Amino acid sequence: MTTDKDKGIVGSATDRLRETTGSLQGEGPWHSANSDVYHNNRACQTGNSIASENIEKGTGGKPLCGECERLNSAGGPVGNLTNL
């Protein structure tokens, strides 16, 4: 059986992303009861690091995560590359 240590950083992050998006079923904003912010960008590393058992749908009345805000204004996870 493969462990997180065997997968490396990228493999572990990919698995965490699958857990998070699987829990959300690809719908709307999400937050953790243990956090002061909500997330709405699937590329947000902070939002994707929330353990699946702590994910709650919706904004929870919290402000948007700064990382999500930067990603949203950049046009996506790697920015707008069409204007280079």
Protein backbone atom coordinates (compact mmCIF):
# COMPACT_ATOMS: atom_id res chain seq x y z
CA MET A 1 0.00 0.00 0.00
CA THR A 2 1.26 3.50 -0.84
CA THR A 3 1.66 5.99 1.99
CA ASP A 4 1.69 9.81 1.79
CA LYS A 5 5.46 9.64 2.31
CA ASP A 6 5.79 7.42 -0.79
CA LYS A 7 3.68 9.79 -2.91
CA GLY A 8 5.69 12.92 -2.21
CA ILE A 9 4.31 16.42 -1.93
CA VAL A 10 2.53 16.51 -5.30
CA GLY A 11 0.84 13.13 -4.85
CA SER A 12 -0.36 14.03 -1.36
CA ALA A 13 -1.66 17.42 -2.52
CA THR A 14 -3.48 15.78 -5.43
CA ASP A 15 -5.13 13.32 -3.07
CA ARG A 16 -6.18 16.15 -0.73
CA LEU A 17 -7.68 18.06 -3.68
CA ARG A 18 -9.68 14.96 -4.67
CA GLU A 19 -10.94 14.59 -1.08
CA THR A 20 -11.95 18.24 -0.87
CA THR A 21 -13.66 18.47 -4.25
CA GLY A 22 -15.27 15.07 -3.70
CA SER A 23 -16.75 16.27 -0.43
CA LEU A 24 -18.02 19.42 -2.10
CA GLN A 25 -19.27 17.60 -5.19
CA GLY A 26 -18.01 20.53 -7.27
CA GLU A 27 -20.57 23.01 -5.97
CA GLY A 28 -20.23 26.55 -4.66
CA PRO A 29 -18.14 28.06 -1.88
CA TRP A 30 -16.90 26.11 1.13
CA HIS A 31 -15.37 26.78 4.52
CA SER A 32 -14.16 25.09 7.66
CA ALA A 33 -15.78 25.70 11.02
CA ASN A 34 -12.20 26.05 12.29
CA SER A 35 -11.38 28.96 9.94
CA ASP A 36 -12.25 32.65 9.72
CA VAL A 37 -12.64 32.67 5.90
CA TYR A 38 -14.46 30.88 3.09
CA HIS A 39 -13.08 29.64 -0.24
CA ASN A 40 -14.48 29.67 -3.79
CA ASN A 41 -11.50 28.91 -6.03
CA ARG A 42 -10.65 25.23 -6.64
CA ALA A 43 -6.97 26.17 -7.09
CA CYS A 44 -6.70 27.60 -3.55
CA GLN A 45 -4.14 25.54 -1.67
CA THR A 46 -5.45 26.71 1.69
CA GLY A 47 -9.02 25.75 0.80
CA ASN A 48 -7.88 22.39 -0.51
CA SER A 49 -5.93 21.63 2.65
CA ILE A 50 -9.10 21.45 4.76
CA ALA A 51 -9.66 17.91 5.95
CA SER A 52 -12.72 16.43 4.26
CA GLU A 53 -14.48 15.84 7.59
CA ASN A 54 -14.22 19.60 8.38
CA ILE A 55 -15.58 20.94 5.06
CA GLU A 56 -18.86 22.79 5.19
CA LYS A 57 -20.73 24.15 2.16
CA GLY A 58 -21.40 27.85 1.85
CA THR A 59 -19.66 30.97 3.09
CA GLY A 60 -20.57 30.58 6.75
CA GLY A 61 -20.96 34.37 6.85
CA LYS A 62 -17.17 34.69 6.65
CA PRO A 63 -15.03 36.91 4.37
CA LEU A 64 -13.37 35.49 1.25
CA CYS A 65 -9.92 33.93 1.63
CA GLY A 66 -7.11 36.22 0.43
CA GLU A 67 -5.61 33.44 -1.68
CA CYS A 68 -8.96 32.84 -3.43
CA GLU A 69 -9.34 36.57 -3.99
CA ARG A 70 -5.88 36.78 -5.65
CA LEU A 71 -6.58 33.70 -7.78
CA ASN A 72 -9.97 35.06 -8.85
CA SER A 73 -8.56 38.45 -9.84
CA ALA A 74 -5.71 36.78 -11.76
CA GLY A 75 -8.24 34.91 -13.88
CA GLY A 76 -7.49 31.44 -12.54
CA PRO A 77 -4.89 29.29 -10.88
CA VAL A 78 -1.97 30.46 -13.06
CA GLY A 79 -3.17 33.91 -14.08
CA ASN A 80 -4.15 35.19 -17.48
CA LEU A 81 -1.46 33.96 -19.87
CA THR A 82 -3.23 35.16 -23.03
CA ASN A 83 -2.04 38.75 -22.60
CA LEU A 84 1.70 37.99 -22.66
